[in-house]
């Protein structure tokens, strides 16, 4: 039986460390206003994981928590302010920001919430107007 690959990650200062096991459910870019405001960037690179495959291995007591809506629980390091992950309980996934796990090759497959985009990206990936239909969105693609 083969062992699942593990990738280590951390917050900006390293006080919070995480480990992801196996492969993410999806990788891509989110353009929603909420992610842009939270990340202070024009786009957020995400990796979505089954919750049981994400482990905080150090500094769990330093994780701050903010829940603006029922859709997302954002977590960050209270020591450095570095963003670590977002729990999405309604979808049953955890978004570990791609920058938090630099050892994982980032292979984006989709853009979500592209209708809200502040930065147009011409990369040939599908552009979802909002979310895929199986996540409660319209599933509508936008021509780029």
C-alpha atoms as a PDB file:
ATOM      1  CA  UNK A   1       0.000   0.000   0.000  1.00  0.00           C
ATOM      2  CA  UNK A   2       1.453   3.367  -1.006  1.00  0.00           C
ATOM      3  CA  UNK A   3       1.637   6.204   1.478  1.00  0.00           C
ATOM      4  CA  UNK A   4      -0.074   9.523   0.669  1.00  0.00           C
ATOM      5  CA  UNK A   5       2.303  12.453   0.103  1.00  0.00           C
ATOM      6  CA  UNK A   6       2.463  15.021   2.884  1.00  0.00           C
ATOM      7  CA  UNK A   7       3.256  18.695   2.406  1.00  0.00           C
ATOM      8  CA  UNK A   8       4.260  21.029   5.214  1.00  0.00           C
ATOM      9  CA  UNK A   9       3.202  24.648   5.419  1.00  0.00           C
ATOM     10  CA  UNK A  10       3.268  27.586   7.791  1.00  0.00           C
ATOM     11  CA  UNK A  11       2.110  31.105   8.485  1.00  0.00           C
ATOM     12  CA  UNK A  12       4.264  34.136   7.663  1.00  0.00           C
ATOM     13  CA  UNK A  13       6.390  33.888  10.843  1.00  0.00           C
ATOM     14  CA  UNK A  14       6.319  30.101  11.207  1.00  0.00           C
ATOM     15  CA  UNK A  15       4.571  30.037  14.605  1.00  0.00           C
ATOM     16  CA  UNK A  16       1.671  28.084  13.075  1.00  0.00           C
ATOM     17  CA  UNK A  17       2.568  25.009  11.066  1.00  0.00           C
ATOM     18  CA  UNK A  18       0.230  22.818   9.068  1.00  0.00           C
ATOM     19  CA  UNK A  19       0.411  19.590   7.118  1.00  0.00           C
ATOM     20  CA  UNK A  20      -1.759  18.540   4.208  1.00  0.00           C
ATOM     21  CA  UNK A  21      -1.997  14.893   3.203  1.00  0.00           C
ATOM     22  CA  UNK A  22      -2.572  13.614  -0.312  1.00  0.00           C
ATOM     23  CA  UNK A  23      -3.929  15.789  -3.086  1.00  0.00           C
ATOM     24  CA  UNK A  24      -6.363  18.697  -2.861  1.00  0.00           C
ATOM     25  CA  UNK A  25      -9.933  18.333  -4.118  1.00  0.00           C
ATOM     26  CA  UNK A  26      -9.415  21.402  -6.330  1.00  0.00           C
ATOM     27  CA  UNK A  27      -7.025  24.266  -6.958  1.00  0.00           C
ATOM     28  CA  UNK A  28      -7.730  27.583  -8.566  1.00  0.00           C
ATOM     29  CA  UNK A  29      -8.269  31.286  -8.176  1.00  0.00           C
ATOM     30  CA  UNK A  30     -11.072  33.098  -6.372  1.00  0.00           C
ATOM     31  CA  UNK A  31     -11.991  36.612  -7.493  1.00  0.00           C
ATOM     32  CA  UNK A  32     -14.814  37.332  -5.020  1.00  0.00           C
ATOM     33  CA  UNK A  33     -14.844  40.623  -3.175  1.00  0.00           C
ATOM     34  CA  UNK A  34     -14.647  38.852   0.187  1.00  0.00           C
ATOM     35  CA  UNK A  35     -11.446  36.957  -0.683  1.00  0.00           C
ATOM     36  CA  UNK A  36      -9.914  40.043  -2.272  1.00  0.00           C
ATOM     37  CA  UNK A  37     -10.630  42.207   0.767  1.00  0.00           C
ATOM     38  CA  UNK A  38      -9.420  39.507   3.174  1.00  0.00           C
ATOM     39  CA  UNK A  39      -6.191  38.855   1.292  1.00  0.00           C
ATOM     40  CA  UNK A  40      -5.577  42.504   0.318  1.00  0.00           C
ATOM     41  CA  UNK A  41      -4.852  41.245  -3.199  1.00  0.00           C
ATOM     42  CA  UNK A  42      -6.686  41.263  -6.536  1.00  0.00           C
ATOM     43  CA  UNK A  43      -7.065  37.468  -6.530  1.00  0.00           C
ATOM     44  CA  UNK A  44      -6.728  34.570  -4.052  1.00  0.00           C
ATOM     45  CA  UNK A  45      -5.004  31.306  -5.000  1.00  0.00           C
ATOM     46  CA  UNK A  46      -6.814  28.446  -3.246  1.00  0.00           C
ATOM     47  CA  UNK A  47      -6.312  24.757  -2.616  1.00  0.00           C
ATOM     48  CA  UNK A  48      -9.373  22.893  -1.315  1.00  0.00           C
ATOM     49  CA  UNK A  49      -8.970  19.873   0.952  1.00  0.00           C
ATOM     50  CA  UNK A  50     -11.143  17.343   2.737  1.00  0.00           C
ATOM     51  CA  UNK A  51     -10.957  18.538   6.377  1.00  0.00           C
ATOM     52  CA  UNK A  52      -9.469  15.266   7.649  1.00  0.00           C
ATOM     53  CA  UNK A  53      -6.412  15.792   5.400  1.00  0.00           C
ATOM     54  CA  UNK A  54      -5.466  19.150   6.979  1.00  0.00           C
ATOM     55  CA  UNK A  55      -3.668  19.120  10.325  1.00  0.00           C
ATOM     56  CA  UNK A  56      -2.363  22.005  12.412  1.00  0.00           C
ATOM     57  CA  UNK A  57       0.883  20.524  13.705  1.00  0.00           C
ATOM     58  CA  UNK A  58       2.130  23.496  15.726  1.00  0.00           C
ATOM     59  CA  UNK A  59       0.669  26.704  17.109  1.00  0.00           C
ATOM     60  CA  UNK A  60      -3.042  25.832  17.054  1.00  0.00           C
ATOM     61  CA  UNK A  61      -3.491  28.104  20.076  1.00  0.00           C
ATOM     62  CA  UNK A  62      -2.251  30.995  17.947  1.00  0.00           C
ATOM     63  CA  UNK A  63      -4.951  30.615  15.282  1.00  0.00           C
ATOM     64  CA  UNK A  64      -7.381  33.513  15.257  1.00  0.00           C
ATOM     65  CA  UNK A  65     -10.904  33.008  13.954  1.00  0.00           C
ATOM     66  CA  UNK A  66     -13.301  35.292  12.095  1.00  0.00           C
ATOM     67  CA  UNK A  67     -16.653  34.303  10.632  1.00  0.00           C
ATOM     68  CA  UNK A  68     -18.386  37.004   8.583  1.00  0.00           C
ATOM     69  CA  UNK A  69     -20.903  34.597   7.001  1.00  0.00           C
ATOM     70  CA  UNK A  70     -21.989  30.988   7.446  1.00  0.00           C
ATOM     71  CA  UNK A  71     -19.950  30.123   4.348  1.00  0.00           C
ATOM     72  CA  UNK A  72     -16.439  30.835   5.653  1.00  0.00           C
ATOM     73  CA  UNK A  73     -14.424  30.715   8.873  1.00  0.00           C
ATOM     74  CA  UNK A  74     -11.139  32.503   8.239  1.00  0.00           C
ATOM     75  CA  UNK A  75      -8.083  31.538  10.319  1.00  0.00           C
ATOM     76  CA  UNK A  76      -4.817  33.442  10.745  1.00  0.00           C
ATOM     77  CA  UNK A  77      -1.781  33.550  13.003  1.00  0.00           C
ATOM     78  CA  UNK A  78      -2.330  35.952  15.908  1.00  0.00           C
ATOM     79  CA  UNK A  79       1.436  36.426  16.246  1.00  0.00           C
ATOM     80  CA  UNK A  80       2.240  37.663  12.699  1.00  0.00           C
ATOM     81  CA  UNK A  81      -1.191  38.122  11.119  1.00  0.00           C
ATOM     82  CA  UNK A  82      -0.342  35.662   8.354  1.00  0.00           C
ATOM     83  CA  UNK A  83      -3.364  34.001   6.776  1.00  0.00           C
ATOM     84  CA  UNK A  84      -3.372  30.228   7.095  1.00  0.00           C
ATOM     85  CA  UNK A  85      -6.677  28.720   5.950  1.00  0.00           C
ATOM     86  CA  UNK A  86     -10.421  29.130   5.593  1.00  0.00           C
ATOM     87  CA  UNK A  87     -12.889  26.493   6.730  1.00  0.00           C
ATOM     88  CA  UNK A  88     -15.944  26.130   4.464  1.00  0.00           C
ATOM     89  CA  UNK A  89     -18.361  24.016   6.550  1.00  0.00           C
ATOM     90  CA  UNK A  90     -21.268  24.240   4.086  1.00  0.00           C
ATOM     91  CA  UNK A  91     -19.107  22.727   1.341  1.00  0.00           C
ATOM     92  CA  UNK A  92     -17.189  20.290   3.541  1.00  0.00           C
ATOM     93  CA  UNK A  93     -13.759  21.601   2.509  1.00  0.00           C
ATOM     94  CA  UNK A  94     -10.874  23.613   3.925  1.00  0.00           C
ATOM     95  CA  UNK A  95      -9.093  26.190   1.768  1.00  0.00           C
ATOM     96  CA  UNK A  96      -5.399  26.195   2.560  1.00  0.00           C
ATOM     97  CA  UNK A  97      -4.010  29.235   0.768  1.00  0.00           C
ATOM     98  CA  UNK A  98      -1.548  28.175  -1.908  1.00  0.00           C
ATOM     99  CA  UNK A  99       1.107  30.537  -0.534  1.00  0.00           C
ATOM    100  CA  UNK A 100       0.862  28.816   2.862  1.00  0.00           C
ATOM    101  CA  UNK A 101       2.073  25.497   1.402  1.00  0.00           C
ATOM    102  CA  UNK A 102       4.887  26.506  -0.973  1.00  0.00           C
ATOM    103  CA  UNK A 103       6.112  22.916  -1.353  1.00  0.00           C
ATOM    104  CA  UNK A 104       2.883  21.862  -3.078  1.00  0.00           C
ATOM    105  CA  UNK A 105       3.007  22.366  -6.851  1.00  0.00           C
ATOM    106  CA  UNK A 106       0.143  24.766  -7.575  1.00  0.00           C
ATOM    107  CA  UNK A 107      -1.852  23.500 -10.557  1.00  0.00           C
ATOM    108  CA  UNK A 108      -4.933  25.719 -10.862  1.00  0.00           C
ATOM    109  CA  UNK A 109      -7.912  24.295 -12.707  1.00  0.00           C
ATOM    110  CA  UNK A 110     -10.541  27.033 -12.505  1.00  0.00           C
ATOM    111  CA  UNK A 111     -11.373  30.633 -11.698  1.00  0.00           C
ATOM    112  CA  UNK A 112     -14.406  31.171  -9.457  1.00  0.00           C
ATOM    113  CA  UNK A 113     -16.429  34.362  -8.977  1.00  0.00           C
ATOM    114  CA  UNK A 114     -14.865  35.748 -12.155  1.00  0.00           C
ATOM    115  CA  UNK A 115     -17.793  38.172 -12.572  1.00  0.00           C
ATOM    116  CA  UNK A 116     -16.327  40.070  -9.592  1.00  0.00           C
ATOM    117  CA  UNK A 117     -12.775  40.059 -10.981  1.00  0.00           C
ATOM    118  CA  UNK A 118     -10.532  43.069 -10.469  1.00  0.00           C
ATOM    119  CA  UNK A 119      -7.706  41.385 -12.378  1.00  0.00           C
ATOM    120  CA  UNK A 120      -8.463  39.676 -15.667  1.00  0.00           C
ATOM    121  CA  UNK A 121      -6.306  36.616 -16.254  1.00  0.00           C
ATOM    122  CA  UNK A 122      -5.852  35.187 -19.742  1.00  0.00           C
ATOM    123  CA  UNK A 123      -4.586  31.711 -18.956  1.00  0.00           C
ATOM    124  CA  UNK A 124      -7.021  29.424 -20.777  1.00  0.00           C
ATOM    125  CA  UNK A 125      -8.623  28.124 -17.557  1.00  0.00           C
ATOM    126  CA  UNK A 126     -12.424  27.975 -17.221  1.00  0.00           C
ATOM    127  CA  UNK A 127     -13.915  31.121 -15.695  1.00  0.00           C
ATOM    128  CA  UNK A 128     -16.965  30.517 -13.485  1.00  0.00           C
ATOM    129  CA  UNK A 129     -19.352  33.486 -13.164  1.00  0.00           C
ATOM    130  CA  UNK A 130     -19.772  32.574  -9.496  1.00  0.00           C
ATOM    131  CA  UNK A 131     -19.391  29.016  -8.157  1.00  0.00           C
ATOM    132  CA  UNK A 132     -19.834  25.628  -9.805  1.00  0.00           C
ATOM    133  CA  UNK A 133     -23.411  24.337  -9.577  1.00  0.00           C
ATOM    134  CA  UNK A 134     -22.420  21.581  -7.108  1.00  0.00           C
ATOM    135  CA  UNK A 135     -21.264  24.329  -4.701  1.00  0.00           C
ATOM    136  CA  UNK A 136     -24.522  26.264  -4.938  1.00  0.00           C
ATOM    137  CA  UNK A 137     -23.544  28.585  -7.775  1.00  0.00           C
ATOM    138  CA  UNK A 138     -25.011  28.999 -11.212  1.00  0.00           C
ATOM    139  CA  UNK A 139     -22.306  26.938 -12.908  1.00  0.00           C
ATOM    140  CA  UNK A 140     -22.246  29.564 -15.667  1.00  0.00           C
ATOM    141  CA  UNK A 141     -18.971  30.003 -17.517  1.00  0.00           C
ATOM    142  CA  UNK A 142     -17.797  33.408 -18.682  1.00  0.00           C
ATOM    143  CA  UNK A 143     -15.956  33.823 -21.977  1.00  0.00           C
ATOM    144  CA  UNK A 144     -12.534  35.286 -21.266  1.00  0.00           C
END
